[in-house]
């Protein structure tokens, strides 16, 4: 059973730069264990114990697995799995820009 796994840039160091790899398994947990056999270190970046890492999003055929069965989501031959690091924005300590000031410009300058 072949399953295509799309790898984000940050994890490609474990796949020798490959954007997509193939794996096998009846569930996501089995798939990630299978990937680890050929791409040492990748499993720990995706899974924390018995669940997905908090800041890793995994999609099965464009559907977020957190709304399915998480790491126990069943897989079928020909499925596509996409791994994406979660993206957060800004810093709580960042100060808002004054109104009317464009990025990279200070008030009163041309």
PDB file of N, CA and C in Angstrom:
ATOM      1  N   UNK A   1       0.860  -1.176   0.000  1.00  0.00           N
ATOM      2  CA  UNK A   1       0.000   0.000   0.000  1.00  0.00           C
ATOM      3  C   UNK A   1       0.900   1.231   0.000  1.00  0.00           C
ATOM      4  N   UNK A   2       0.873   2.018  -1.053  1.00  0.00           N
ATOM      5  CA  UNK A   2       1.706   3.209  -1.177  1.00  0.00           C
ATOM      6  C   UNK A   2       0.918   4.459  -0.808  1.00  0.00           C
ATOM      7  N   UNK A   3       1.529   5.255   0.042  1.00  0.00           N
ATOM      8  CA  UNK A   3       0.937   6.514   0.479  1.00  0.00           C
ATOM      9  C   UNK A   3       1.977   7.604   0.257  1.00  0.00           C
ATOM     10  N   UNK A   4       1.582   8.663  -0.440  1.00  0.00           N
ATOM     11  CA  UNK A   4       2.493   9.776  -0.665  1.00  0.00           C
ATOM     12  C   UNK A   4       2.434  10.714   0.536  1.00  0.00           C
ATOM     13  N   UNK A   5       3.620  11.092   1.030  1.00  0.00           N
ATOM     14  CA  UNK A   5       3.721  12.001   2.162  1.00  0.00           C
ATOM     15  C   UNK A   5       4.473  13.239   1.701  1.00  0.00           C
ATOM     16  N   UNK A   6       3.825  14.384   1.758  1.00  0.00           N
ATOM     17  CA  UNK A   6       4.462  15.658   1.393  1.00  0.00           C
ATOM     18  C   UNK A   6       5.171  16.214   2.622  1.00  0.00           C
ATOM     19  N   UNK A   7       6.432  16.553   2.438  1.00  0.00           N
ATOM     20  CA  UNK A   7       7.304  16.957   3.528  1.00  0.00           C
ATOM     21  C   UNK A   7       7.555  18.462   3.477  1.00  0.00           C
ATOM     22  N   UNK A   8       7.354  19.175   4.600  1.00  0.00           N
ATOM     23  CA  UNK A   8       7.636  20.616   4.612  1.00  0.00           C
ATOM     24  C   UNK A   8       9.142  20.869   4.590  1.00  0.00           C
ATOM     25  N   UNK A   9       9.526  22.028   4.157  1.00  0.00           N
ATOM     26  CA  UNK A   9      10.938  22.390   4.033  1.00  0.00           C
ATOM     27  C   UNK A   9      11.716  22.112   5.306  1.00  0.00           C
ATOM     28  N   UNK A  10      11.162  22.440   6.444  1.00  0.00           N
ATOM     29  CA  UNK A  10      11.881  22.288   7.714  1.00  0.00           C
ATOM     30  C   UNK A  10      12.201  20.834   8.046  1.00  0.00           C
ATOM     31  N   UNK A  11      11.479  19.883   7.493  1.00  0.00           N
ATOM     32  CA  UNK A  11      11.733  18.463   7.762  1.00  0.00           C
ATOM     33  C   UNK A  11      12.483  17.760   6.632  1.00  0.00           C
ATOM     34  N   UNK A  12      12.793  18.466   5.571  1.00  0.00           N
ATOM     35  CA  UNK A  12      13.454  17.833   4.428  1.00  0.00           C
ATOM     36  C   UNK A  12      14.888  17.413   4.723  1.00  0.00           C
ATOM     37  N   UNK A  13      15.450  17.915   5.799  1.00  0.00           N
ATOM     38  CA  UNK A  13      16.792  17.464   6.185  1.00  0.00           C
ATOM     39  C   UNK A  13      16.785  15.974   6.520  1.00  0.00           C
ATOM     40  N   UNK A  14      15.627  15.439   6.891  1.00  0.00           N
ATOM     41  CA  UNK A  14      15.504  14.020   7.208  1.00  0.00           C
ATOM     42  C   UNK A  14      15.203  13.164   5.974  1.00  0.00           C
ATOM     43  N   UNK A  15      14.795  13.801   4.885  1.00  0.00           N
ATOM     44  CA  UNK A  15      14.444  13.071   3.661  1.00  0.00           C
ATOM     45  C   UNK A  15      15.417  13.374   2.520  1.00  0.00           C
ATOM     46  N   UNK A  16      16.608  13.818   2.865  1.00  0.00           N
ATOM     47  CA  UNK A  16      17.629  14.160   1.861  1.00  0.00           C
ATOM     48  C   UNK A  16      17.111  15.172   0.852  1.00  0.00           C
ATOM     49  N   UNK A  17      16.314  16.109   1.335  1.00  0.00           N
ATOM     50  CA  UNK A  17      15.819  17.188   0.494  1.00  0.00           C
ATOM     51  C   UNK A  17      14.589  16.865  -0.325  1.00  0.00           C
ATOM     52  N   UNK A  18      14.079  15.664  -0.218  1.00  0.00           N
ATOM     53  CA  UNK A  18      12.908  15.273  -1.011  1.00  0.00           C
ATOM     54  C   UNK A  18      11.648  15.991  -0.516  1.00  0.00           C
ATOM     55  N   UNK A  19      10.877  16.513  -1.450  1.00  0.00           N
ATOM     56  CA  UNK A  19       9.621  17.198  -1.131  1.00  0.00           C
ATOM     57  C   UNK A  19       8.502  16.222  -0.804  1.00  0.00           C
ATOM     58  N   UNK A  20       8.594  15.016  -1.334  1.00  0.00           N
ATOM     59  CA  UNK A  20       7.581  13.987  -1.081  1.00  0.00           C
ATOM     60  C   UNK A  20       8.274  12.632  -1.025  1.00  0.00           C
ATOM     61  N   UNK A  21       7.767  11.786  -0.134  1.00  0.00           N
ATOM     62  CA  UNK A  21       8.283  10.429  -0.008  1.00  0.00           C
ATOM     63  C   UNK A  21       7.098   9.477   0.042  1.00  0.00           C
ATOM     64  N   UNK A  22       7.367   8.192  -0.153  1.00  0.00           N
ATOM     65  CA  UNK A  22       6.310   7.195  -0.052  1.00  0.00           C
ATOM     66  C   UNK A  22       6.494   6.395   1.212  1.00  0.00           C
ATOM     67  N   UNK A  23       5.374   5.970   1.774  1.00  0.00           N
ATOM     68  CA  UNK A  23       5.403   5.141   2.961  1.00  0.00           C
ATOM     69  C   UNK A  23       4.231   4.188   2.945  1.00  0.00           C
ATOM     70  N   UNK A  24       4.208   3.315   3.956  1.00  0.00           N
ATOM     71  CA  UNK A  24       3.117   2.359   4.072  1.00  0.00           C
ATOM     72  C   UNK A  24       2.611   2.324   5.501  1.00  0.00           C
ATOM     73  N   UNK A  25       1.382   1.860   5.662  1.00  0.00           N
ATOM     74  CA  UNK A  25       0.791   1.707   6.987  1.00  0.00           C
ATOM     75  C   UNK A  25      -0.716   1.758   6.895  1.00  0.00           C
ATOM     76  N   UNK A  26      -1.362   1.111   7.849  1.00  0.00           N
ATOM     77  CA  UNK A  26      -2.824   1.121   7.895  1.00  0.00           C
ATOM     78  C   UNK A  26      -3.363   2.331   8.647  1.00  0.00           C
ATOM     79  N   UNK A  27      -2.510   2.967   9.463  1.00  0.00           N
ATOM     80  CA  UNK A  27      -2.882   4.175  10.205  1.00  0.00           C
ATOM     81  C   UNK A  27      -1.743   5.182  10.081  1.00  0.00           C
ATOM     82  N   UNK A  28      -2.000   6.411  10.496  1.00  0.00           N
ATOM     83  CA  UNK A  28      -0.935   7.419  10.487  1.00  0.00           C
ATOM     84  C   UNK A  28       0.214   6.988  11.395  1.00  0.00           C
ATOM     85  N   UNK A  29      -0.094   6.410  12.550  1.00  0.00           N
ATOM     86  CA  UNK A  29       0.953   5.961  13.469  1.00  0.00           C
ATOM     87  C   UNK A  29       1.879   4.960  12.773  1.00  0.00           C
ATOM     88  N   UNK A  30       1.299   4.004  12.047  1.00  0.00           N
ATOM     89  CA  UNK A  30       2.099   3.021  11.319  1.00  0.00           C
ATOM     90  C   UNK A  30       2.891   3.667  10.191  1.00  0.00           C
ATOM     91  N   UNK A  31       2.286   4.628   9.514  1.00  0.00           N
ATOM     92  CA  UNK A  31       2.970   5.340   8.439  1.00  0.00           C
ATOM     93  C   UNK A  31       4.193   6.081   8.975  1.00  0.00           C
ATOM     94  N   UNK A  32       4.027   6.806  10.083  1.00  0.00           N
ATOM     95  CA  UNK A  32       5.154   7.559  10.642  1.00  0.00           C
ATOM     96  C   UNK A  32       6.248   6.630  11.144  1.00  0.00           C
ATOM     97  N   UNK A  33       5.877   5.467  11.686  1.00  0.00           N
ATOM     98  CA  UNK A  33       6.873   4.472  12.105  1.00  0.00           C
ATOM     99  C   UNK A  33       7.619   3.945  10.885  1.00  0.00           C
ATOM    100  N   UNK A  34       6.904   3.721   9.778  1.00  0.00           N
ATOM    101  CA  UNK A  34       7.526   3.265   8.545  1.00  0.00           C
ATOM    102  C   UNK A  34       8.484   4.318   8.001  1.00  0.00           C
ATOM    103  N   UNK A  35       8.092   5.581   8.025  1.00  0.00           N
ATOM    104  CA  UNK A  35       8.973   6.646   7.543  1.00  0.00           C
ATOM    105  C   UNK A  35      10.269   6.680   8.346  1.00  0.00           C
ATOM    106  N   UNK A  36      10.166   6.441   9.643  1.00  0.00           N
ATOM    107  CA  UNK A  36      11.344   6.474  10.515  1.00  0.00           C
ATOM    108  C   UNK A  36      12.383   5.430  10.103  1.00  0.00           C
ATOM    109  N   UNK A  37      11.944   4.313   9.530  1.00  0.00           N
ATOM    110  CA  UNK A  37      12.888   3.264   9.129  1.00  0.00           C
ATOM    111  C   UNK A  37      13.798   3.718   7.988  1.00  0.00           C
ATOM    112  N   UNK A  38      13.335   4.656   7.184  1.00  0.00           N
ATOM    113  CA  UNK A  38      14.141   5.166   6.059  1.00  0.00           C
ATOM    114  C   UNK A  38      14.620   6.589   6.258  1.00  0.00           C
ATOM    115  N   UNK A  39      13.981   7.324   7.146  1.00  0.00           N
ATOM    116  CA  UNK A  39      14.297   8.737   7.342  1.00  0.00           C
ATOM    117  C   UNK A  39      14.449   8.995   8.851  1.00  0.00           C
ATOM    118  N   UNK A  40      15.538   8.493   9.393  1.00  0.00           N
ATOM    119  CA  UNK A  40      15.791   8.540  10.825  1.00  0.00           C
ATOM    120  C   UNK A  40      15.685   9.960  11.375  1.00  0.00           C
ATOM    121  N   UNK A  41      14.912  10.094  12.459  1.00  0.00           N
ATOM    122  CA  UNK A  41      14.750  11.379  13.135  1.00  0.00           C
ATOM    123  C   UNK A  41      13.443  12.080  12.833  1.00  0.00           C
ATOM    124  N   UNK A  42      12.782  11.707  11.746  1.00  0.00           N
ATOM    125  CA  UNK A  42      11.561  12.410  11.346  1.00  0.00           C
ATOM    126  C   UNK A  42      10.395  12.120  12.301  1.00  0.00           C
ATOM    127  N   UNK A  43      10.325  10.913  12.807  1.00  0.00           N
ATOM    128  CA  UNK A  43       9.215  10.508  13.689  1.00  0.00           C
ATOM    129  C   UNK A  43       9.112  11.432  14.903  1.00  0.00           C
ATOM    130  N   UNK A  44      10.231  11.701  15.540  1.00  0.00           N
ATOM    131  CA  UNK A  44      10.239  12.535  16.752  1.00  0.00           C
ATOM    132  C   UNK A  44       9.821  13.974  16.468  1.00  0.00           C
ATOM    133  N   UNK A  45       9.938  14.407  15.228  1.00  0.00           N
ATOM    134  CA  UNK A  45       9.545  15.777  14.870  1.00  0.00           C
ATOM    135  C   UNK A  45       8.049  15.893  14.595  1.00  0.00           C
ATOM    136  N   UNK A  46       7.394  14.746  14.403  1.00  0.00           N
ATOM    137  CA  UNK A  46       5.971  14.737  14.074  1.00  0.00           C
ATOM    138  C   UNK A  46       5.117  14.264  15.247  1.00  0.00           C
ATOM    139  N   UNK A  47       5.633  13.260  15.958  1.00  0.00           N
ATOM    140  CA  UNK A  47       4.856  12.602  17.014  1.00  0.00           C
ATOM    141  C   UNK A  47       5.494  12.841  18.372  1.00  0.00           C
ATOM    142  N   UNK A  48       4.641  13.080  19.363  1.00  0.00           N
ATOM    143  CA  UNK A  48       5.074  13.236  20.753  1.00  0.00           C
ATOM    144  C   UNK A  48       4.326  12.192  21.575  1.00  0.00           C
ATOM    145  N   UNK A  49       4.992  11.109  21.896  1.00  0.00           N
ATOM    146  CA  UNK A  49       4.334  10.019  22.610  1.00  0.00           C
ATOM    147  C   UNK A  49       3.335   9.315  21.712  1.00  0.00           C
ATOM    148  N   UNK A  50       2.074   9.394  22.078  1.00  0.00           N
ATOM    149  CA  UNK A  50       1.008   8.724  21.324  1.00  0.00           C
ATOM    150  C   UNK A  50       0.126   9.712  20.556  1.00  0.00           C
ATOM    151  N   UNK A  51       0.623  10.935  20.357  1.00  0.00           N
ATOM    152  CA  UNK A  51      -0.180  11.930  19.635  1.00  0.00           C
ATOM    153  C   UNK A  51       0.705  12.818  18.772  1.00  0.00           C
ATOM    154  N   UNK A  52       0.060  13.547  17.877  1.00  0.00           N
ATOM    155  CA  UNK A  52       0.794  14.489  17.029  1.00  0.00           C
ATOM    156  C   UNK A  52       1.348  15.615  17.885  1.00  0.00           C
ATOM    157  N   UNK A  53       2.495  16.111  17.513  1.00  0.00           N
ATOM    158  CA  UNK A  53       3.051  17.276  18.210  1.00  0.00           C
ATOM    159  C   UNK A  53       2.085  18.443  18.076  1.00  0.00           C
ATOM    160  N   UNK A  54       2.080  19.276  19.068  1.00  0.00           N
ATOM    161  CA  UNK A  54       1.129  20.393  19.134  1.00  0.00           C
ATOM    162  C   UNK A  54       1.234  21.340  17.938  1.00  0.00           C
ATOM    163  N   UNK A  55       2.447  21.592  17.486  1.00  0.00           N
ATOM    164  CA  UNK A  55       2.629  22.571  16.415  1.00  0.00           C
ATOM    165  C   UNK A  55       2.905  21.936  15.055  1.00  0.00           C
ATOM    166  N   UNK A  56       2.358  20.751  14.853  1.00  0.00           N
ATOM    167  CA  UNK A  56       2.446  20.073  13.557  1.00  0.00           C
ATOM    168  C   UNK A  56       1.029  19.769  13.108  1.00  0.00           C
ATOM    169  N   UNK A  57       0.701  20.174  11.910  1.00  0.00           N
ATOM    170  CA  UNK A  57      -0.608  19.867  11.332  1.00  0.00           C
ATOM    171  C   UNK A  57      -0.420  18.783  10.280  1.00  0.00           C
ATOM    172  N   UNK A  58      -1.319  17.807  10.290  1.00  0.00           N
ATOM    173  CA  UNK A  58      -1.257  16.714   9.332  1.00  0.00           C
ATOM    174  C   UNK A  58      -2.609  16.637   8.626  1.00  0.00           C
ATOM    175  N   UNK A  59      -2.555  16.538   7.312  1.00  0.00           N
ATOM    176  CA  UNK A  59      -3.765  16.467   6.500  1.00  0.00           C
ATOM    177  C   UNK A  59      -3.771  15.168   5.711  1.00  0.00           C
ATOM    178  N   UNK A  60      -4.909  14.511   5.711  1.00  0.00           N
ATOM    179  CA  UNK A  60      -5.114  13.315   4.912  1.00  0.00           C
ATOM    180  C   UNK A  60      -6.061  13.700   3.784  1.00  0.00           C
ATOM    181  N   UNK A  61      -5.538  13.690   2.555  1.00  0.00           N
ATOM    182  CA  UNK A  61      -6.347  14.089   1.397  1.00  0.00           C
ATOM    183  C   UNK A  61      -7.025  15.440   1.650  1.00  0.00           C
ATOM    184  N   UNK A  62      -6.265  16.399   2.162  1.00  0.00           N
ATOM    185  CA  UNK A  62      -6.698  17.780   2.425  1.00  0.00           C
ATOM    186  C   UNK A  62      -7.651  17.929   3.608  1.00  0.00           C
ATOM    187  N   UNK A  63      -7.795  16.901   4.448  1.00  0.00           N
ATOM    188  CA  UNK A  63      -8.644  16.994   5.628  1.00  0.00           C
ATOM    189  C   UNK A  63      -7.781  16.879   6.882  1.00  0.00           C
ATOM    190  N   UNK A  64      -7.937  17.834   7.798  1.00  0.00           N
ATOM    191  CA  UNK A  64      -7.154  17.870   9.031  1.00  0.00           C
ATOM    192  C   UNK A  64      -7.448  16.623   9.864  1.00  0.00           C
ATOM    193  N   UNK A  65      -6.404  15.842  10.168  1.00  0.00           N
ATOM    194  CA  UNK A  65      -6.612  14.589  10.895  1.00  0.00           C
ATOM    195  C   UNK A  65      -7.037  14.802  12.343  1.00  0.00           C
ATOM    196  N   UNK A  66      -6.870  16.005  12.864  1.00  0.00           N
ATOM    197  CA  UNK A  66      -7.337  16.280  14.233  1.00  0.00           C
ATOM    198  C   UNK A  66      -8.862  16.186  14.306  1.00  0.00           C
ATOM    199  N   UNK A  67      -9.521  16.354  13.175  1.00  0.00           N
ATOM    200  CA  UNK A  67     -10.976  16.234  13.125  1.00  0.00           C
ATOM    201  C   UNK A  67     -11.407  14.843  12.678  1.00  0.00           C
ATOM    202  N   UNK A  68     -10.441  13.967  12.462  1.00  0.00           N
ATOM    203  CA  UNK A  68     -10.716  12.569  12.145  1.00  0.00           C
ATOM    204  C   UNK A  68     -10.362  11.765  13.402  1.00  0.00           C
ATOM    205  N   UNK A  69      -9.424  10.839  13.299  1.00  0.00           N
ATOM    206  CA  UNK A  69      -9.006  10.042  14.461  1.00  0.00           C
ATOM    207  C   UNK A  69      -7.565  10.315  14.867  1.00  0.00           C
ATOM    208  N   UNK A  70      -7.076  11.522  14.535  1.00  0.00           N
ATOM    209  CA  UNK A  70      -5.711  11.876  14.912  1.00  0.00           C
ATOM    210  C   UNK A  70      -4.705  10.888  14.363  1.00  0.00           C
ATOM    211  N   UNK A  71      -3.780  10.491  15.207  1.00  0.00           N
ATOM    212  CA  UNK A  71      -2.710   9.582  14.776  1.00  0.00           C
ATOM    213  C   UNK A  71      -3.230   8.185  14.453  1.00  0.00           C
ATOM    214  N   UNK A  72      -4.434   7.877  14.895  1.00  0.00           N
ATOM    215  CA  UNK A  72      -5.042   6.577  14.619  1.00  0.00           C
ATOM    216  C   UNK A  72      -5.929   6.585  13.376  1.00  0.00           C
ATOM    217  N   UNK A  73      -5.887   7.668  12.614  1.00  0.00           N
ATOM    218  CA  UNK A  73      -6.658   7.775  11.381  1.00  0.00           C
ATOM    219  C   UNK A  73      -6.259   6.665  10.418  1.00  0.00           C
ATOM    220  N   UNK A  74      -7.244   5.980   9.881  1.00  0.00           N
ATOM    221  CA  UNK A  74      -7.022   4.886   8.934  1.00  0.00           C
ATOM    222  C   UNK A  74      -6.589   5.431   7.585  1.00  0.00           C
ATOM    223  N   UNK A  75      -5.719   4.692   6.921  1.00  0.00           N
ATOM    224  CA  UNK A  75      -5.209   5.067   5.601  1.00  0.00           C
ATOM    225  C   UNK A  75      -5.580   4.021   4.564  1.00  0.00           C
ATOM    226  N   UNK A  76      -5.632   4.463   3.315  1.00  0.00           N
ATOM    227  CA  UNK A  76      -5.904   3.571   2.187  1.00  0.00           C
ATOM    228  C   UNK A  76      -4.840   3.766   1.121  1.00  0.00           C
ATOM    229  N   UNK A  77      -4.662   2.767   0.293  1.00  0.00           N
ATOM    230  CA  UNK A  77      -3.716   2.842  -0.807  1.00  0.00           C
ATOM    231  C   UNK A  77      -4.029   4.066  -1.665  1.00  0.00           C
ATOM    232  N   UNK A  78      -2.999   4.837  -1.995  1.00  0.00           N
ATOM    233  CA  UNK A  78      -3.170   6.010  -2.847  1.00  0.00           C
ATOM    234  C   UNK A  78      -3.483   7.298  -2.099  1.00  0.00           C
ATOM    235  N   UNK A  79      -3.622   7.223  -0.771  1.00  0.00           N
ATOM    236  CA  UNK A  79      -3.880   8.443   0.007  1.00  0.00           C
ATOM    237  C   UNK A  79      -2.700   9.390  -0.080  1.00  0.00           C
ATOM    238  N   UNK A  80      -2.983  10.661   0.158  1.00  0.00           N
ATOM    239  CA  UNK A  80      -1.954  11.697   0.237  1.00  0.00           C
ATOM    240  C   UNK A  80      -1.970  12.280   1.637  1.00  0.00           C
ATOM    241  N   UNK A  81      -0.794  12.310   2.269  1.00  0.00           N
ATOM    242  CA  UNK A  81      -0.646  12.890   3.601  1.00  0.00           C
ATOM    243  C   UNK A  81       0.267  14.101   3.466  1.00  0.00           C
ATOM    244  N   UNK A  82      -0.163  15.207   4.035  1.00  0.00           N
ATOM    245  CA  UNK A  82       0.635  16.432   4.014  1.00  0.00           C
ATOM    246  C   UNK A  82       0.966  16.811   5.445  1.00  0.00           C
ATOM    247  N   UNK A  83       2.243  17.044   5.707  1.00  0.00           N
ATOM    248  CA  UNK A  83       2.700  17.476   7.026  1.00  0.00           C
ATOM    249  C   UNK A  83       3.048  18.960   6.911  1.00  0.00           C
ATOM    250  N   UNK A  84       2.473  19.757   7.790  1.00  0.00           N
ATOM    251  CA  UNK A  84       2.742  21.197   7.790  1.00  0.00           C
ATOM    252  C   UNK A  84       3.040  21.673   9.199  1.00  0.00           C
ATOM    253  N   UNK A  85       4.107  22.454   9.366  1.00  0.00           N
ATOM    254  CA  UNK A  85       4.322  23.050  10.681  1.00  0.00           C
ATOM    255  C   UNK A  85       3.263  24.132  10.896  1.00  0.00           C
ATOM    256  N   UNK A  86       2.742  24.211  12.110  1.00  0.00           N
ATOM    257  CA  UNK A  86       1.765  25.251  12.417  1.00  0.00           C
ATOM    258  C   UNK A  86       2.459  26.604  12.345  1.00  0.00           C
ATOM    259  N   UNK A  87       1.731  27.607  11.903  1.00  0.00           N
ATOM    260  CA  UNK A  87       2.285  28.945  11.773  1.00  0.00           C
ATOM    261  C   UNK A  87       1.562  29.863  12.743  1.00  0.00           C
ATOM    262  N   UNK A  88       2.343  30.548  13.560  1.00  0.00           N
ATOM    263  CA  UNK A  88       1.777  31.518  14.495  1.00  0.00           C
ATOM    264  C   UNK A  88       2.234  32.897  14.057  1.00  0.00           C
ATOM    265  N   UNK A  89       1.490  33.893  14.427  1.00  0.00           N
ATOM    266  CA  UNK A  89       1.842  35.230  13.981  1.00  0.00           C
ATOM    267  C   UNK A  89       2.205  36.163  15.113  1.00  0.00           C
ATOM    268  N   UNK A  90       3.253  36.927  14.882  1.00  0.00           N
ATOM    269  CA  UNK A  90       3.623  38.017  15.768  1.00  0.00           C
ATOM    270  C   UNK A  90       4.036  37.598  17.161  1.00  0.00           C
ATOM    271  N   UNK A  91       4.311  38.607  17.933  1.00  0.00           N
ATOM    272  CA  UNK A  91       4.730  38.421  19.315  1.00  0.00           C
ATOM    273  C   UNK A  91       3.811  39.229  20.206  1.00  0.00           C
ATOM    274  N   UNK A  92       3.495  38.685  21.358  1.00  0.00           N
ATOM    275  CA  UNK A  92       2.648  39.418  22.306  1.00  0.00           C
ATOM    276  C   UNK A  92       3.333  40.699  22.752  1.00  0.00           C
ATOM    277  N   UNK A  93       4.668  40.731  22.701  1.00  0.00           N
ATOM    278  CA  UNK A  93       5.421  41.905  23.131  1.00  0.00           C
ATOM    279  C   UNK A  93       5.569  42.952  22.026  1.00  0.00           C
ATOM    280  N   UNK A  94       5.218  42.602  20.796  1.00  0.00           N
ATOM    281  CA  UNK A  94       5.362  43.538  19.681  1.00  0.00           C
ATOM    282  C   UNK A  94       4.404  44.698  19.844  1.00  0.00           C
ATOM    283  N   UNK A  95       4.916  45.887  19.556  1.00  0.00           N
ATOM    284  CA  UNK A  95       4.094  47.091  19.668  1.00  0.00           C
ATOM    285  C   UNK A  95       3.422  47.364  18.325  1.00  0.00           C
ATOM    286  N   UNK A  96       2.145  47.701  18.346  1.00  0.00           N
ATOM    287  CA  UNK A  96       1.467  48.015  17.083  1.00  0.00           C
ATOM    288  C   UNK A  96       2.037  49.277  16.456  1.00  0.00           C
ATOM    289  N   UNK A  97       2.029  49.307  15.127  1.00  0.00           N
ATOM    290  CA  UNK A  97       2.472  50.474  14.388  1.00  0.00           C
ATOM    291  C   UNK A  97       1.438  51.589  14.488  1.00  0.00           C
ATOM    292  N   UNK A  98       1.875  52.836  14.555  1.00  0.00           N
ATOM    293  CA  UNK A  98       0.909  53.942  14.554  1.00  0.00           C
ATOM    294  C   UNK A  98       0.111  53.932  13.252  1.00  0.00           C
ATOM    295  N   UNK A  99      -1.128  54.337  13.329  1.00  0.00           N
ATOM    296  CA  UNK A  99      -1.998  54.377  12.153  1.00  0.00           C
ATOM    297  C   UNK A  99      -1.371  55.226  11.063  1.00  0.00           C
ATOM    298  N   UNK A 100      -1.429  54.745   9.832  1.00  0.00           N
ATOM    299  CA  UNK A 100      -0.939  55.498   8.684  1.00  0.00           C
ATOM    300  C   UNK A 100       0.545  55.341   8.420  1.00  0.00           C
ATOM    301  N   UNK A 101       1.254  54.525   9.188  1.00  0.00           N
ATOM    302  CA  UNK A 101       2.680  54.330   8.970  1.00  0.00           C
ATOM    303  C   UNK A 101       2.884  52.997   8.258  1.00  0.00           C
ATOM    304  N   UNK A 102       3.486  53.066   7.095  1.00  0.00           N
ATOM    305  CA  UNK A 102       3.733  51.861   6.313  1.00  0.00           C
ATOM    306  C   UNK A 102       4.902  51.082   6.899  1.00  0.00           C
ATOM    307  N   UNK A 103       4.943  49.810   6.615  1.00  0.00           N
ATOM    308  CA  UNK A 103       6.039  48.969   7.092  1.00  0.00           C
ATOM    309  C   UNK A 103       7.357  49.504   6.579  1.00  0.00           C
ATOM    310  N   UNK A 104       8.346  49.605   7.455  1.00  0.00           N
ATOM    311  CA  UNK A 104       9.676  50.041   7.062  1.00  0.00           C
ATOM    312  C   UNK A 104       9.830  51.540   6.962  1.00  0.00           C
ATOM    313  N   UNK A 105       8.792  52.316   7.270  1.00  0.00           N
ATOM    314  CA  UNK A 105       8.886  53.782   7.210  1.00  0.00           C
ATOM    315  C   UNK A 105       8.479  54.356   8.550  1.00  0.00           C
ATOM    316  N   UNK A 106       9.125  55.443   8.930  1.00  0.00           N
ATOM    317  CA  UNK A 106       8.777  56.132  10.164  1.00  0.00           C
ATOM    318  C   UNK A 106       7.842  57.289   9.855  1.00  0.00           C
ATOM    319  N   UNK A 107       7.062  57.652  10.841  1.00  0.00           N
ATOM    320  CA  UNK A 107       6.179  58.807  10.678  1.00  0.00           C
ATOM    321  C   UNK A 107       7.021  60.054  10.419  1.00  0.00           C
ATOM    322  N   UNK A 108       6.594  60.875   9.508  1.00  0.00           N
ATOM    323  CA  UNK A 108       7.269  62.126   9.215  1.00  0.00           C
ATOM    324  C   UNK A 108       8.406  61.998   8.216  1.00  0.00           C
ATOM    325  N   UNK A 109       8.638  60.824   7.645  1.00  0.00           N
ATOM    326  CA  UNK A 109       9.688  60.684   6.637  1.00  0.00           C
ATOM    327  C   UNK A 109       9.066  60.364   5.292  1.00  0.00           C
ATOM    328  N   UNK A 110       9.767  60.669   4.261  1.00  0.00           N
ATOM    329  CA  UNK A 110       9.249  60.422   2.916  1.00  0.00           C
ATOM    330  C   UNK A 110       9.827  59.207   2.314  1.00  0.00           C
TER     331      UNK A 110
END
